Amino acid sequence: MKSNTFDTIVVGAGMSGGWAAKEFSEQGFKTLLLERGPNVEHLKYYPTTNMQPWEFKHRRRLTSVF
């Protein structure tokens, strides 16, 4: 059985974990990044991703406090 070794292991590919993995790998460390969450497809899960501010239905309206 082949064994893998890593210099750093980052758990969680969120904002901080992704940045940490990027920094470690750019410094030459052999880095493993682990993420347990599903693959996020931005256009599927966030349909407003490519919308311009003026395209939103409630643009230029204040939210109600109560």
Protein backbone atom coordinates (compact mmCIF):
# COMPACT_ATOMS: atom_id res chain seq x y z
CA MET A 1 0.00 0.00 0.00
CA LYS A 2 1.33 3.42 -0.96
CA SER A 3 1.50 6.03 1.81
CA ASN A 4 1.10 9.77 1.35
CA THR A 5 2.85 12.26 3.59
CA PHE A 6 2.11 15.96 3.91
CA ASP A 7 3.85 18.88 5.56
CA THR A 8 0.55 20.57 6.45
CA ILE A 9 -3.06 19.46 6.69
CA VAL A 10 -5.78 22.09 6.64
CA VAL A 11 -9.27 21.04 7.76
CA GLY A 12 -12.03 23.13 6.22
CA ALA A 13 -11.94 24.93 2.89
CA GLY A 14 -13.82 28.00 4.06
CA MET A 15 -12.44 31.49 3.77
CA SER A 16 -9.64 31.02 6.32
CA GLY A 17 -8.84 27.40 5.50
CA GLY A 18 -8.67 28.05 1.78
CA TRP A 19 -6.37 31.00 2.33
CA ALA A 20 -4.16 29.02 4.72
CA ALA A 21 -3.84 26.16 2.21
CA LYS A 22 -2.95 28.64 -0.55
CA GLU A 23 -0.28 30.28 1.60
CA PHE A 24 1.24 26.95 2.70
CA SER A 25 1.38 25.60 -0.84
CA GLU A 26 2.91 28.83 -2.18
CA GLN A 27 5.63 28.52 0.47
CA GLY A 28 6.47 25.07 -0.89
CA PHE A 29 4.76 22.92 1.73
CA LYS A 30 3.08 19.75 0.51
CA THR A 31 -0.46 20.61 1.64
CA LEU A 32 -3.61 18.54 2.04
CA LEU A 33 -6.92 20.45 2.18
CA LEU A 34 -9.92 18.54 3.55
CA GLU A 35 -13.53 19.64 3.12
CA ARG A 36 -16.60 17.67 4.14
CA GLY A 37 -19.27 19.90 2.60
CA PRO A 38 -21.00 19.45 -0.74
CA ASN A 39 -19.76 20.96 -3.97
CA VAL A 40 -21.35 24.42 -4.19
CA GLU A 41 -22.53 25.35 -7.66
CA HIS A 42 -22.98 29.11 -7.52
CA LEU A 43 -25.45 29.46 -10.38
CA LYS A 44 -27.59 26.62 -8.96
CA TYR A 45 -27.58 27.58 -5.27
CA TYR A 46 -27.14 31.37 -5.61
CA PRO A 47 -29.22 32.42 -8.63
CA THR A 48 -28.46 36.12 -8.06
CA THR A 49 -24.70 35.62 -8.46
CA ASN A 50 -24.44 37.39 -11.81
CA MET A 51 -27.15 40.01 -11.26
CA GLN A 52 -26.39 43.71 -11.31
CA PRO A 53 -27.61 45.85 -8.38
CA TRP A 54 -30.34 47.46 -10.48
CA GLU A 55 -31.75 44.05 -11.48
CA PHE A 56 -32.93 43.15 -7.97
CA LYS A 57 -36.67 43.26 -7.35
CA HIS A 58 -36.44 45.35 -4.16
CA ARG A 59 -33.70 47.74 -5.22
CA ARG A 60 -33.58 51.20 -3.63
CA ARG A 61 -36.17 50.27 -0.99
CA LEU A 62 -35.51 50.30 2.72
CA THR A 63 -36.19 47.19 4.74
CA SER A 64 -38.82 47.43 7.43
CA VAL A 65 -37.57 47.31 11.00
CA PHE A 66 -40.72 45.70 12.39
